[in-house]
Structures are given as C-alpha cells and as structure tokens.
Amino acid sequence: MKKLEKFIAGGYIRNIQIDREGNYIMITAPNRRVNEKIYITVTCPSCGAKNQVIKGRLSTCEYCGQRLTP
C-alpha cells in the first residue's frame, strides 16, 4: 500500500483513490487534462532549434536528432 501511495504522490499513477477505512482502491473517472495532448515548445540543447512536443513525452529534435527532455 505504501508503494502505491508513493506512485500516486509522484504522479506516476492517476485517477486512483485509496480508502484506508474501507480497505479498498477506487479507480475514478479520467480527468480531461490527463487525456488531452498539451504541446509545449522545447529548445534543443544541441542545435538550439525550437521543437513542438507533447508535454511529458520523450522526443527527439526534428533537426539534429538530439534527445529532448520536456
């Protein structure tokens, strides 16, 4: 149970609630913001190009192939 709470607190697992009194885990309806793709601009550390990437996803620079961390 403690490991699960750490994953929830770290943002790795979403849409879950833990009820310690009832001793159960409930999966809640997904939040729209979790499911929508949010694009951000990331500047490549290698070549300086600006790239549009989906927030939270690993991607590579479309110009030089360098890995980007959003």
PDB file of N, CA and C in Angstrom:
ATOM      1  N   MET A   1       0.823  -1.190   0.000  1.00  0.00           N
ATOM      2  CA  MET A   1       0.000   0.000   0.000  1.00  0.00           C
ATOM      3  C   MET A   1       0.869   1.256   0.000  1.00  0.00           C
ATOM      4  N   LYS A   2       1.963   1.231   0.743  1.00  0.00           N
ATOM      5  CA  LYS A   2       2.838   2.409   0.800  1.00  0.00           C
ATOM      6  C   LYS A   2       3.498   2.690  -0.548  1.00  0.00           C
ATOM      7  N   LYS A   3       3.869   1.625  -1.260  1.00  0.00           N
ATOM      8  CA  LYS A   3       4.478   1.817  -2.577  1.00  0.00           C
ATOM      9  C   LYS A   3       3.473   2.441  -3.543  1.00  0.00           C
ATOM     10  N   LEU A   4       2.240   1.981  -3.477  1.00  0.00           N
ATOM     11  CA  LEU A   4       1.192   2.535  -4.326  1.00  0.00           C
ATOM     12  C   LEU A   4       0.984   4.018  -4.036  1.00  0.00           C
ATOM     13  N   GLU A   5       0.989   4.387  -2.769  1.00  0.00           N
ATOM     14  CA  GLU A   5       0.830   5.798  -2.387  1.00  0.00           C
ATOM     15  C   GLU A   5       1.993   6.637  -2.901  1.00  0.00           C
ATOM     16  N   LYS A   6       3.202   6.089  -2.922  1.00  0.00           N
ATOM     17  CA  LYS A   6       4.359   6.820  -3.451  1.00  0.00           C
ATOM     18  C   LYS A   6       4.206   7.068  -4.952  1.00  0.00           C
ATOM     19  N   PHE A   7       3.709   6.056  -5.685  1.00  0.00           N
ATOM     20  CA  PHE A   7       3.483   6.224  -7.120  1.00  0.00           C
ATOM     21  C   PHE A   7       2.418   7.285  -7.388  1.00  0.00           C
ATOM     22  N   ILE A   8       1.377   7.291  -6.583  1.00  0.00           N
ATOM     23  CA  ILE A   8       0.317   8.290  -6.745  1.00  0.00           C
ATOM     24  C   ILE A   8       0.864   9.683  -6.440  1.00  0.00           C
ATOM     25  N   ALA A   9       1.592   9.818  -5.336  1.00  0.00           N
ATOM     26  CA  ALA A   9       2.157  11.109  -4.941  1.00  0.00           C
ATOM     27  C   ALA A   9       3.160  11.615  -5.976  1.00  0.00           C
ATOM     28  N   GLY A  10       3.880  10.703  -6.628  1.00  0.00           N
ATOM     29  CA  GLY A  10       4.862  11.085  -7.634  1.00  0.00           C
ATOM     30  C   GLY A  10       4.256  11.391  -8.988  1.00  0.00           C
ATOM     31  N   GLY A  11       2.938  11.174  -9.139  1.00  0.00           N
ATOM     32  CA  GLY A  11       2.276  11.470 -10.403  1.00  0.00           C
ATOM     33  C   GLY A  11       2.384  10.359 -11.432  1.00  0.00           C
ATOM     34  N   TYR A  12       2.895   9.191 -11.022  1.00  0.00           N
ATOM     35  CA  TYR A  12       3.034   8.076 -11.962  1.00  0.00           C
ATOM     36  C   TYR A  12       1.709   7.352 -12.191  1.00  0.00           C
ATOM     37  N   ILE A  13       0.835   7.383 -11.191  1.00  0.00           N
ATOM     38  CA  ILE A  13      -0.490   6.766 -11.299  1.00  0.00           C
ATOM     39  C   ILE A  13      -1.516   7.841 -11.007  1.00  0.00           C
ATOM     40  N   ARG A  14      -2.506   7.940 -11.887  1.00  0.00           N
ATOM     41  CA  ARG A  14      -3.547   8.948 -11.704  1.00  0.00           C
ATOM     42  C   ARG A  14      -4.911   8.276 -11.697  1.00  0.00           C
ATOM     43  N   ASN A  15      -5.904   9.025 -11.242  1.00  0.00           N
ATOM     44  CA  ASN A  15      -7.295   8.577 -11.241  1.00  0.00           C
ATOM     45  C   ASN A  15      -7.527   7.386 -10.311  1.00  0.00           C
ATOM     46  N   ILE A  16      -6.808   7.346  -9.204  1.00  0.00           N
ATOM     47  CA  ILE A  16      -6.989   6.295  -8.205  1.00  0.00           C
ATOM     48  C   ILE A  16      -7.100   6.948  -6.836  1.00  0.00           C
ATOM     49  N   GLN A  17      -8.038   6.444  -6.044  1.00  0.00           N
ATOM     50  CA  GLN A  17      -8.182   6.893  -4.664  1.00  0.00           C
ATOM     51  C   GLN A  17      -8.066   5.684  -3.751  1.00  0.00           C
ATOM     52  N   ILE A  18      -7.400   5.864  -2.617  1.00  0.00           N
ATOM     53  CA  ILE A  18      -7.252   4.787  -1.643  1.00  0.00           C
ATOM     54  C   ILE A  18      -8.136   5.106  -0.442  1.00  0.00           C
ATOM     55  N   ASP A  19      -8.988   4.165  -0.064  1.00  0.00           N
ATOM     56  CA  ASP A  19      -9.827   4.305   1.120  1.00  0.00           C
ATOM     57  C   ASP A  19      -9.292   3.342   2.172  1.00  0.00           C
ATOM     58  N   ARG A  20      -8.545   3.879   3.135  1.00  0.00           N
ATOM     59  CA  ARG A  20      -7.934   3.029   4.167  1.00  0.00           C
ATOM     60  C   ARG A  20      -8.974   2.451   5.126  1.00  0.00           C
ATOM     61  N   GLU A  21     -10.008   3.205   5.418  1.00  0.00           N
ATOM     62  CA  GLU A  21     -11.044   2.711   6.330  1.00  0.00           C
ATOM     63  C   GLU A  21     -11.812   1.545   5.710  1.00  0.00           C
ATOM     64  N   GLY A  22     -12.208   1.699   4.473  1.00  0.00           N
ATOM     65  CA  GLY A  22     -12.938   0.646   3.776  1.00  0.00           C
ATOM     66  C   GLY A  22     -12.026  -0.421   3.203  1.00  0.00           C
ATOM     67  N   ASN A  23     -10.706  -0.157   3.232  1.00  0.00           N
ATOM     68  CA  ASN A  23      -9.698  -1.079   2.756  1.00  0.00           C
ATOM     69  C   ASN A  23      -9.907  -1.458   1.279  1.00  0.00           C
ATOM     70  N   TYR A  24     -10.088  -0.419   0.449  1.00  0.00           N
ATOM     71  CA  TYR A  24     -10.220  -0.673  -0.983  1.00  0.00           C
ATOM     72  C   TYR A  24      -9.600   0.461  -1.786  1.00  0.00           C
ATOM     73  N   ILE A  25      -9.376   0.177  -3.060  1.00  0.00           N
ATOM     74  CA  ILE A  25      -8.833   1.149  -4.004  1.00  0.00           C
ATOM     75  C   ILE A  25      -9.905   1.409  -5.050  1.00  0.00           C
ATOM     76  N   MET A  26     -10.170   2.686  -5.334  1.00  0.00           N
ATOM     77  CA  MET A  26     -11.205   3.049  -6.285  1.00  0.00           C
ATOM     78  C   MET A  26     -10.572   3.755  -7.489  1.00  0.00           C
ATOM     79  N   ILE A  27     -10.922   3.293  -8.674  1.00  0.00           N
ATOM     80  CA  ILE A  27     -10.481   3.950  -9.908  1.00  0.00           C
ATOM     81  C   ILE A  27     -11.539   4.971 -10.273  1.00  0.00           C
ATOM     82  N   THR A  28     -11.123   6.232 -10.412  1.00  0.00           N
ATOM     83  CA  THR A  28     -12.068   7.313 -10.683  1.00  0.00           C
ATOM     84  C   THR A  28     -12.086   7.638 -12.170  1.00  0.00           C
ATOM     85  N   ALA A  29     -13.052   8.439 -12.572  1.00  0.00           N
ATOM     86  CA  ALA A  29     -13.174   8.851 -13.975  1.00  0.00           C
ATOM     87  C   ALA A  29     -11.944   9.652 -14.367  1.00  0.00           C
ATOM     88  N   PRO A  30     -11.463   9.465 -15.580  1.00  0.00           N
ATOM     89  CA  PRO A  30     -10.271  10.196 -16.015  1.00  0.00           C
ATOM     90  C   PRO A  30     -10.518  11.698 -16.109  1.00  0.00           C
ATOM     91  N   ASN A  31      -9.525  12.433 -15.756  1.00  0.00           N
ATOM     92  CA  ASN A  31      -9.557  13.882 -15.837  1.00  0.00           C
ATOM     93  C   ASN A  31      -9.279  14.269 -17.293  1.00  0.00           C
ATOM     94  N   ARG A  32     -10.001  15.179 -17.833  1.00  0.00           N
ATOM     95  CA  ARG A  32      -9.799  15.574 -19.238  1.00  0.00           C
ATOM     96  C   ARG A  32      -8.401  16.089 -19.490  1.00  0.00           C
ATOM     97  N   ARG A  33      -7.821  16.793 -18.549  1.00  0.00           N
ATOM     98  CA  ARG A  33      -6.483  17.349 -18.744  1.00  0.00           C
ATOM     99  C   ARG A  33      -5.433  16.240 -18.839  1.00  0.00           C
ATOM    100  N   VAL A  34      -5.692  15.091 -18.223  1.00  0.00           N
ATOM    101  CA  VAL A  34      -4.748  13.984 -18.308  1.00  0.00           C
ATOM    102  C   VAL A  34      -4.764  13.399 -19.712  1.00  0.00           C
ATOM    103  N   ASN A  35      -5.943  13.321 -20.314  1.00  0.00           N
ATOM    104  CA  ASN A  35      -6.077  12.682 -21.613  1.00  0.00           C
ATOM    105  C   ASN A  35      -5.782  13.602 -22.795  1.00  0.00           C
ATOM    106  N   GLU A  36      -5.855  14.914 -22.610  1.00  0.00           N
ATOM    107  CA  GLU A  36      -5.608  15.795 -23.755  1.00  0.00           C
ATOM    108  C   GLU A  36      -4.110  15.984 -23.951  1.00  0.00           C
ATOM    109  N   LYS A  37      -3.722  16.187 -25.182  1.00  0.00           N
ATOM    110  CA  LYS A  37      -2.315  16.384 -25.509  1.00  0.00           C
ATOM    111  C   LYS A  37      -1.995  17.864 -25.380  1.00  0.00           C
ATOM    112  N   ILE A  38      -1.072  18.181 -24.506  1.00  0.00           N
ATOM    113  CA  ILE A  38      -0.661  19.562 -24.286  1.00  0.00           C
ATOM    114  C   ILE A  38       0.711  19.735 -24.929  1.00  0.00           C
ATOM    115  N   TYR A  39       0.778  20.613 -25.921  1.00  0.00           N
ATOM    116  CA  TYR A  39       2.022  20.850 -26.645  1.00  0.00           C
ATOM    117  C   TYR A  39       2.788  22.001 -26.002  1.00  0.00           C
ATOM    118  N   ILE A  40       4.096  21.816 -25.888  1.00  0.00           N
ATOM    119  CA  ILE A  40       4.973  22.861 -25.372  1.00  0.00           C
ATOM    120  C   ILE A  40       6.136  23.037 -26.342  1.00  0.00           C
ATOM    121  N   THR A  41       6.802  24.172 -26.245  1.00  0.00           N
ATOM    122  CA  THR A  41       7.974  24.431 -27.074  1.00  0.00           C
ATOM    123  C   THR A  41       9.216  24.141 -26.250  1.00  0.00           C
ATOM    124  N   VAL A  42      10.093  23.302 -26.807  1.00  0.00           N
ATOM    125  CA  VAL A  42      11.341  22.940 -26.139  1.00  0.00           C
ATOM    126  C   VAL A  42      12.491  23.315 -27.062  1.00  0.00           C
ATOM    127  N   THR A  43      13.487  23.993 -26.498  1.00  0.00           N
ATOM    128  CA  THR A  43      14.674  24.367 -27.270  1.00  0.00           C
ATOM    129  C   THR A  43      15.700  23.247 -27.164  1.00  0.00           C
ATOM    130  N   CYS A  44      16.195  22.805 -28.292  1.00  0.00           N
ATOM    131  CA  CYS A  44      17.184  21.727 -28.335  1.00  0.00           C
ATOM    132  C   CYS A  44      18.492  22.197 -27.692  1.00  0.00           C
ATOM    133  N   PRO A  45      19.045  21.421 -26.747  1.00  0.00           N
ATOM    134  CA  PRO A  45      20.302  21.822 -26.120  1.00  0.00           C
ATOM    135  C   PRO A  45      21.505  21.687 -27.052  1.00  0.00           C
ATOM    136  N   SER A  46      21.350  20.945 -28.132  1.00  0.00           N
ATOM    137  CA  SER A  46      22.467  20.716 -29.048  1.00  0.00           C
ATOM    138  C   SER A  46      22.542  21.764 -30.158  1.00  0.00           C
ATOM    139  N   CYS A  47      21.407  21.945 -30.878  1.00  0.00           N
ATOM    140  CA  CYS A  47      21.453  22.858 -32.037  1.00  0.00           C
ATOM    141  C   CYS A  47      20.685  24.161 -31.818  1.00  0.00           C
ATOM    142  N   GLY A  48      19.901  24.255 -30.745  1.00  0.00           N
ATOM    143  CA  GLY A  48      19.176  25.488 -30.447  1.00  0.00           C
ATOM    144  C   GLY A  48      17.843  25.638 -31.158  1.00  0.00           C
ATOM    145  N   ALA A  49      17.440  24.631 -31.928  1.00  0.00           N
ATOM    146  CA  ALA A  49      16.164  24.707 -32.653  1.00  0.00           C
ATOM    147  C   ALA A  49      14.992  24.573 -31.686  1.00  0.00           C
ATOM    148  N   LYS A  50      13.896  25.231 -32.023  1.00  0.00           N
ATOM    149  CA  LYS A  50      12.684  25.142 -31.212  1.00  0.00           C
ATOM    150  C   LYS A  50      11.809  24.023 -31.775  1.00  0.00           C
ATOM    151  N   ASN A  51      11.349  23.136 -30.882  1.00  0.00           N
ATOM    152  CA  ASN A  51      10.538  21.985 -31.264  1.00  0.00           C
ATOM    153  C   ASN A  51       9.225  22.005 -30.495  1.00  0.00           C
ATOM    154  N   GLN A  52       8.137  21.653 -31.175  1.00  0.00           N
ATOM    155  CA  GLN A  52       6.834  21.496 -30.529  1.00  0.00           C
ATOM    156  C   GLN A  52       6.710  20.032 -30.126  1.00  0.00           C
ATOM    157  N   VAL A  53       6.587  19.765 -28.821  1.00  0.00           N
ATOM    158  CA  VAL A  53       6.490  18.389 -28.330  1.00  0.00           C
ATOM    159  C   VAL A  53       5.298  18.266 -27.392  1.00  0.00           C
ATOM    160  N   ILE A  54       4.830  17.038 -27.208  1.00  0.00           N
ATOM    161  CA  ILE A  54       3.749  16.782 -26.266  1.00  0.00           C
ATOM    162  C   ILE A  54       4.345  16.740 -24.871  1.00  0.00           C
ATOM    163  N   LYS A  55       3.781  17.526 -23.973  1.00  0.00           N
ATOM    164  CA  LYS A  55       4.274  17.628 -22.608  1.00  0.00           C
ATOM    165  C   LYS A  55       4.274  16.253 -21.941  1.00  0.00           C
ATOM    166  N   GLY A  56       5.399  15.905 -21.331  1.00  0.00           N
ATOM    167  CA  GLY A  56       5.519  14.652 -20.618  1.00  0.00           C
ATOM    168  C   GLY A  56       6.015  13.482 -21.450  1.00  0.00           C
ATOM    169  N   ARG A  57       6.168  13.665 -22.750  1.00  0.00           N
ATOM    170  CA  ARG A  57       6.638  12.587 -23.623  1.00  0.00           C
ATOM    171  C   ARG A  57       8.083  12.820 -24.028  1.00  0.00           C
ATOM    172  N   LEU A  58       8.843  11.746 -24.075  1.00  0.00           N
ATOM    173  CA  LEU A  58      10.209  11.849 -24.575  1.00  0.00           C
ATOM    174  C   LEU A  58      10.159  12.047 -26.078  1.00  0.00           C
ATOM    175  N   SER A  59      11.007  12.909 -26.590  1.00  0.00           N
ATOM    176  CA  SER A  59      11.063  13.127 -28.029  1.00  0.00           C
ATOM    177  C   SER A  59      12.485  13.479 -28.434  1.00  0.00           C
ATOM    178  N   THR A  60      12.665  13.575 -29.729  1.00  0.00           N
ATOM    179  CA  THR A  60      13.972  13.951 -30.257  1.00  0.00           C
ATOM    180  C   THR A  60      13.808  15.199 -31.125  1.00  0.00           C
ATOM    181  N   CYS A  61      14.883  15.938 -31.240  1.00  0.00           N
ATOM    182  CA  CYS A  61      14.885  17.145 -32.062  1.00  0.00           C
ATOM    183  C   CYS A  61      14.659  16.750 -33.514  1.00  0.00           C
ATOM    184  N   GLU A  62      13.718  17.419 -34.162  1.00  0.00           N
ATOM    185  CA  GLU A  62      13.431  17.073 -35.556  1.00  0.00           C
ATOM    186  C   GLU A  62      14.505  17.563 -36.521  1.00  0.00           C
ATOM    187  N   TYR A  63      15.449  18.355 -36.034  1.00  0.00           N
ATOM    188  CA  TYR A  63      16.506  18.886 -36.882  1.00  0.00           C
ATOM    189  C   TYR A  63      17.826  18.122 -36.756  1.00  0.00           C
ATOM    190  N   CYS A  64      18.214  17.773 -35.494  1.00  0.00           N
ATOM    191  CA  CYS A  64      19.512  17.119 -35.315  1.00  0.00           C
ATOM    192  C   CYS A  64      19.427  15.737 -34.649  1.00  0.00           C
ATOM    193  N   GLY A  65      18.238  15.368 -34.127  1.00  0.00           N
ATOM    194  CA  GLY A  65      18.072  14.052 -33.531  1.00  0.00           C
ATOM    195  C   GLY A  65      18.441  13.951 -32.065  1.00  0.00           C
ATOM    196  N   GLN A  66      18.848  15.060 -31.457  1.00  0.00           N
ATOM    197  CA  GLN A  66      19.198  15.071 -30.028  1.00  0.00           C
ATOM    198  C   GLN A  66      17.968  14.759 -29.184  1.00  0.00           C
ATOM    199  N   ARG A  67      18.128  13.979 -28.116  1.00  0.00           N
ATOM    200  CA  ARG A  67      17.012  13.686 -27.221  1.00  0.00           C
ATOM    201  C   ARG A  67      16.611  14.943 -26.459  1.00  0.00           C
ATOM    202  N   LEU A  68      15.303  15.181 -26.401  1.00  0.00           N
ATOM    203  CA  LEU A  68      14.767  16.353 -25.700  1.00  0.00           C
ATOM    204  C   LEU A  68      14.072  15.907 -24.425  1.00  0.00           C
ATOM    205  N   THR A  69      14.216  16.697 -23.387  1.00  0.00           N
ATOM    206  CA  THR A  69      13.509  16.420 -22.146  1.00  0.00           C
ATOM    207  C   THR A  69      12.561  17.570 -21.859  1.00  0.00           C
ATOM    208  N   PRO A  70      11.244  17.306 -22.058  1.00  0.00           N
ATOM    209  CA  PRO A  70      10.256  18.360 -21.810  1.00  0.00           C
ATOM    210  C   PRO A  70      10.020  18.597 -20.332  1.00  0.00           C
TER     211      PRO A  70
END
